[in-house]
Protein backbone atom coordinates (compact mmCIF):
# COMPACT_ATOMS: atom_id res chain seq x y z
CA MET A 1 -121.52 -13.43 134.63
CA SER A 2 -123.62 -14.20 131.58
CA ALA A 3 -127.30 -13.32 131.55
CA ARG A 4 -129.53 -15.96 133.07
CA PRO A 5 -132.54 -17.28 131.14
CA GLN A 6 -135.98 -15.85 131.79
CA THR A 7 -138.49 -18.23 133.35
CA ALA A 8 -142.15 -18.55 134.31
CA ILE A 9 -141.19 -16.41 137.31
CA LYS A 10 -140.93 -12.81 136.15
CA ALA A 11 -140.46 -10.99 139.46
CA ILE A 12 -138.97 -11.71 142.86
CA LEU A 13 -140.08 -9.98 146.03
CA PHE A 14 -137.66 -10.32 148.92
CA ASP A 15 -138.08 -10.06 152.63
CA LYS A 16 -135.15 -8.07 154.02
CA ASP A 17 -134.01 -9.08 157.49
CA GLY A 18 -132.71 -12.64 157.57
CA THR A 19 -133.05 -12.88 153.80
CA LEU A 20 -130.92 -10.09 152.34
CA ILE A 21 -129.11 -8.99 155.48
CA ASP A 22 -128.03 -10.95 158.53
CA PHE A 23 -130.71 -10.35 161.14
CA GLN A 24 -128.68 -11.08 164.27
CA GLN A 25 -125.52 -9.29 163.15
CA THR A 26 -127.44 -6.22 162.03
CA TRP A 27 -130.18 -5.86 164.60
CA SER A 28 -128.81 -7.41 167.80
CA PRO A 29 -126.18 -4.69 168.34
CA ALA A 30 -128.70 -2.07 167.20
CA PHE A 31 -131.30 -3.36 169.66
CA SER A 32 -128.80 -3.45 172.51
CA ARG A 33 -128.12 0.21 171.87
CA LEU A 34 -131.84 0.96 171.62
CA ILE A 35 -132.56 -0.62 175.00
CA GLU A 36 -129.65 1.23 176.59
CA THR A 37 -130.86 4.51 175.09
CA MET A 38 -134.53 4.12 175.97
CA ALA A 39 -133.87 2.81 179.49
CA GLY A 40 -131.48 5.64 180.26
CA GLY A 41 -129.07 3.28 181.99
CA ASN A 42 -131.73 1.92 184.40
CA ALA A 43 -130.79 -1.75 184.81
CA ASP A 44 -134.29 -2.87 185.83
CA LEU A 45 -135.89 -1.16 182.84
CA LYS A 46 -133.32 -2.68 180.52
CA LEU A 47 -134.07 -6.17 181.81
CA GLU A 48 -137.82 -5.71 181.47
CA LEU A 49 -137.60 -4.25 177.96
CA ALA A 50 -135.35 -7.12 176.92
CA ARG A 51 -137.63 -9.73 178.46
CA ILE A 52 -140.79 -8.46 176.78
CA SER A 53 -138.91 -8.21 173.47
CA GLY A 54 -137.43 -11.71 173.51
CA PHE A 55 -133.89 -10.35 173.66
CA ASP A 56 -131.05 -11.92 175.65
CA LEU A 57 -129.11 -9.00 177.11
CA GLU A 58 -126.24 -11.13 178.33
CA ARG A 59 -125.65 -12.81 174.97
CA GLY A 60 -126.75 -9.77 172.96
CA LEU A 61 -128.98 -11.87 170.71
CA PHE A 62 -132.65 -12.20 169.85
CA ASP A 63 -134.53 -15.34 170.79
CA PRO A 64 -135.81 -17.06 167.61
CA ASN A 65 -139.36 -16.55 168.91
CA SER A 66 -138.91 -12.83 169.61
CA PRO A 67 -141.79 -10.75 168.23
CA PHE A 68 -139.18 -8.52 166.59
CA VAL A 69 -137.77 -11.35 164.46
CA ALA A 70 -140.68 -11.41 162.01
CA GLY A 71 -143.09 -8.78 163.31
CA ALA A 72 -143.32 -5.07 162.74
CA ASN A 73 -141.70 -2.52 165.06
CA ASP A 74 -144.99 -1.81 166.83
CA THR A 75 -145.63 -5.41 167.91
CA VAL A 76 -144.83 -4.77 171.58
CA LEU A 77 -145.29 -1.00 171.53
CA ASP A 78 -147.93 -0.91 174.26
CA ASP A 79 -145.71 -3.00 176.54
CA TRP A 80 -142.75 -0.69 175.99
CA ALA A 81 -144.93 2.34 176.70
CA ARG A 82 -146.17 0.75 179.93
CA ILE A 83 -142.69 -0.23 181.09
CA LEU A 84 -141.25 3.20 180.31
CA GLY A 85 -144.27 5.06 181.71
CA VAL A 86 -144.91 6.81 178.40
CA SER A 87 -148.45 7.98 177.64
CA ASP A 88 -147.93 8.77 173.93
CA ALA A 89 -147.22 5.38 172.37
CA ARG A 90 -147.08 6.73 168.83
CA GLN A 91 -144.39 9.24 169.76
CA LEU A 92 -142.51 6.45 171.49
CA LEU A 93 -142.64 4.43 168.26
CA THR A 94 -141.34 7.43 166.31
CA ASP A 95 -138.43 7.77 168.73
CA MET A 96 -137.67 4.02 168.65
CA GLU A 97 -137.66 3.90 164.88
CA ALA A 98 -135.45 6.97 164.61
CA HIS A 99 -132.86 5.29 166.84
CA LEU A 100 -133.17 1.95 165.04
CA PHE A 101 -132.80 3.68 161.68
CA ARG A 102 -129.40 5.04 162.69
CA PHE A 103 -128.21 2.07 164.75
CA GLY A 104 -129.26 -0.42 162.07
CA LEU A 105 -127.30 1.43 159.39
CA GLU A 106 -124.22 1.50 161.58
CA SER A 107 -124.28 -2.28 162.15
CA LEU A 108 -125.64 -3.24 158.71
CA ALA A 109 -124.40 -6.73 157.77
CA PRO A 110 -125.43 -8.00 154.31
CA PHE A 111 -125.02 -11.65 153.42
CA GLU A 112 -121.86 -12.27 151.41
CA THR A 113 -123.74 -13.34 148.27
CA LEU A 114 -126.27 -10.50 148.35
CA GLU A 115 -124.72 -8.11 145.84
CA PRO A 116 -123.79 -10.65 143.15
CA THR A 117 -127.17 -12.36 143.46
CA ILE A 118 -129.20 -9.17 143.20
CA ARG A 119 -127.13 -7.80 140.34
CA THR A 120 -127.35 -11.10 138.44
CA LEU A 121 -131.13 -11.22 138.80
CA HIS A 122 -131.50 -7.57 137.83
CA ALA A 123 -129.29 -7.99 134.76
CA ALA A 124 -131.34 -11.01 133.70
CA GLY A 125 -134.48 -8.92 133.61
CA TYR A 126 -136.26 -10.05 136.76
CA VAL A 127 -138.33 -7.32 138.40
CA LEU A 128 -137.12 -7.09 142.00
CA GLY A 129 -138.77 -5.72 145.11
CA ILE A 130 -138.60 -5.74 148.88
CA ALA A 131 -141.47 -6.32 151.30
CA THR A 132 -140.32 -5.95 154.91
CA ASN A 133 -141.89 -5.54 158.31
CA ASP A 134 -139.24 -2.91 158.97
CA THR A 135 -140.01 0.69 157.95
CA GLU A 136 -139.85 1.63 154.30
CA ALA A 137 -137.39 4.41 155.09
CA ALA A 138 -134.99 2.03 156.84
CA ALA A 139 -135.18 -0.47 153.98
CA ARG A 140 -134.49 2.22 151.40
CA ALA A 141 -131.60 3.64 153.42
CA GLN A 142 -130.02 0.21 153.87
CA MET A 143 -130.23 -0.62 150.17
CA GLN A 144 -128.79 2.82 149.39
CA ALA A 145 -125.91 2.17 151.79
CA LEU A 146 -125.25 -1.15 150.04
CA GLY A 147 -125.36 0.46 146.61
CA LEU A 148 -128.27 -1.67 145.44
CA SER A 149 -131.15 0.79 145.27
CA ASP A 150 -131.08 0.86 141.48
CA CYS A 151 -131.88 -2.86 141.34
CA PHE A 152 -135.26 -2.65 143.11
CA ALA A 153 -138.40 -1.51 141.32
CA ALA A 154 -140.33 -1.23 144.59
CA ILE A 155 -139.58 -1.23 148.31
CA TYR A 156 -142.39 -1.60 150.85
CA GLY A 157 -142.34 -1.44 154.64
CA TYR A 158 -145.01 -2.23 157.19
CA ASP A 159 -145.76 1.51 157.23
CA SER A 160 -146.18 1.95 153.45
CA GLY A 161 -149.96 1.70 153.65
CA HIS A 162 -150.44 -1.93 152.67
CA GLY A 163 -150.26 -3.54 156.11
CA PRO A 164 -147.59 -5.79 157.62
CA LYS A 165 -146.95 -9.44 156.83
CA PRO A 166 -148.59 -11.97 157.16
CA GLU A 167 -151.20 -9.78 155.50
CA PRO A 168 -150.80 -9.97 151.70
CA GLY A 169 -151.06 -6.22 151.06
CA MET A 170 -147.43 -5.51 150.17
CA ILE A 171 -147.29 -8.45 147.79
CA LEU A 172 -150.53 -7.50 146.07
CA ALA A 173 -149.32 -3.90 145.77
CA PHE A 174 -146.17 -5.21 144.08
CA SER A 175 -148.31 -7.30 141.72
CA ARG A 176 -150.35 -4.23 140.77
CA ALA A 177 -147.30 -2.01 140.39
CA THR A 178 -145.51 -4.45 138.10
CA GLY A 179 -148.59 -5.57 136.18
CA LEU A 180 -147.67 -9.18 136.88
CA ALA A 181 -150.01 -11.89 138.10
CA PRO A 182 -149.29 -13.46 141.49
CA HIS A 183 -148.26 -16.76 139.88
CA GLU A 184 -145.48 -14.90 138.07
CA ILE A 185 -144.01 -13.65 141.36
CA ALA A 186 -141.82 -15.50 143.86
CA LEU A 187 -141.66 -14.31 147.44
CA VAL A 188 -138.37 -15.11 149.17
CA GLY A 189 -138.30 -14.95 152.95
CA ASP A 190 -137.02 -16.56 156.11
CA SER A 191 -140.08 -16.54 158.39
CA LEU A 192 -143.55 -18.00 158.70
CA HIS A 193 -144.93 -14.47 158.34
CA ASP A 194 -143.36 -14.42 154.88
CA MET A 195 -144.72 -17.82 153.91
CA HIS A 196 -148.21 -17.03 155.18
CA ALA A 197 -148.22 -13.69 153.35
CA GLY A 198 -147.16 -15.46 150.17
CA ARG A 199 -149.91 -18.04 150.55
CA ASN A 200 -152.48 -15.33 151.16
CA ALA A 201 -151.36 -13.51 148.01
CA GLY A 202 -151.13 -16.60 145.80
CA VAL A 203 -147.44 -16.25 144.87
CA ARG A 204 -144.66 -18.85 144.77
CA ARG A 205 -143.22 -19.20 148.27
CA VAL A 206 -139.47 -19.66 148.59
CA ALA A 207 -138.08 -20.03 152.11
CA VAL A 208 -134.43 -19.51 153.00
CA THR A 209 -132.87 -20.80 156.22
CA THR A 210 -130.53 -17.83 156.68
CA GLY A 211 -132.73 -16.32 159.40
CA THR A 212 -133.64 -17.69 162.82
CA VAL A 213 -136.08 -20.42 161.67
CA GLY A 214 -135.05 -23.85 160.44
CA ALA A 215 -136.14 -25.84 157.41
CA ASP A 216 -138.25 -28.14 159.55
CA VAL A 217 -140.48 -25.21 160.54
CA LEU A 218 -140.56 -23.53 157.13
CA ALA A 219 -140.98 -26.53 154.82
CA PRO A 220 -144.68 -27.25 155.51
CA HIS A 221 -145.52 -23.67 154.52
CA ALA A 222 -143.19 -23.18 151.55
CA ASP A 223 -143.08 -24.37 147.96
CA HIS A 224 -139.30 -24.54 148.14
CA VAL A 225 -136.73 -24.31 150.96
CA PHE A 226 -133.18 -23.20 150.18
CA GLY A 227 -130.08 -22.66 152.24
CA GLY A 228 -129.47 -19.21 150.81
CA LEU A 229 -129.56 -16.91 147.83
CA ASP A 230 -127.14 -19.04 145.79
CA ASP A 231 -129.71 -21.83 145.78
CA LEU A 232 -132.30 -19.38 144.45
CA LEU A 233 -130.13 -18.69 141.41
CA ASP A 234 -129.61 -22.41 140.84
CA TRP A 235 -133.37 -22.99 141.03
CA LEU A 236 -134.10 -20.29 138.47
CA ASP A 237 -131.36 -21.65 136.20
CA ALA A 238 -132.90 -25.11 136.34
CA MET A 239 -136.36 -23.72 135.67
CA GLY A 240 -135.16 -21.95 132.55
CA ALA A 241 -133.07 -24.82 131.22
């Protein structure tokens, strides 16, 4: 593909789950395995862990309102520790994330247009980054597995020291690292946490409906709402025309 024109937007910071990779296809099987592992086969524990996590065990899918859809891995940590009778919640989180790291790689499901979109943007000179409420290590490993690590100038997780979304810390860190002003950055994400973080940081907010939240929910909080990454390329093309 020919190089795309540069625009007023100089950098694009992506959410990961639901934006670059399919959230349900990647994390639902991984979470089913996590619950099975942590509950040790105890059916009552499995049901309680699933209930508190907004996860439908029978269907093997997350509820759209699950705290895990947009939140960080520690959102229900205290509840998991209570249910499992664990006194060291931080060690529990370490164990959970170690399992999710492996399970999530094994069921990793990128959107079909991910690679061509990212490579097109990178070739056109856009500075690309990731800001996810997953761990930084998991995000880096997933991009490495997809062969896209070289396209991203920065990858931040909720544990990178800048706070989770909807706090603006990861976005502001990206702004500082790239030397670009917030108005030169577009944040692309699929959740209200993304849109609120973008508003708090003063960047352009682009919502995609490839996650678990519809356009009707996202539109009041976004500058633009697109059906997927292809629409993002079309938008940038139009801006540069």
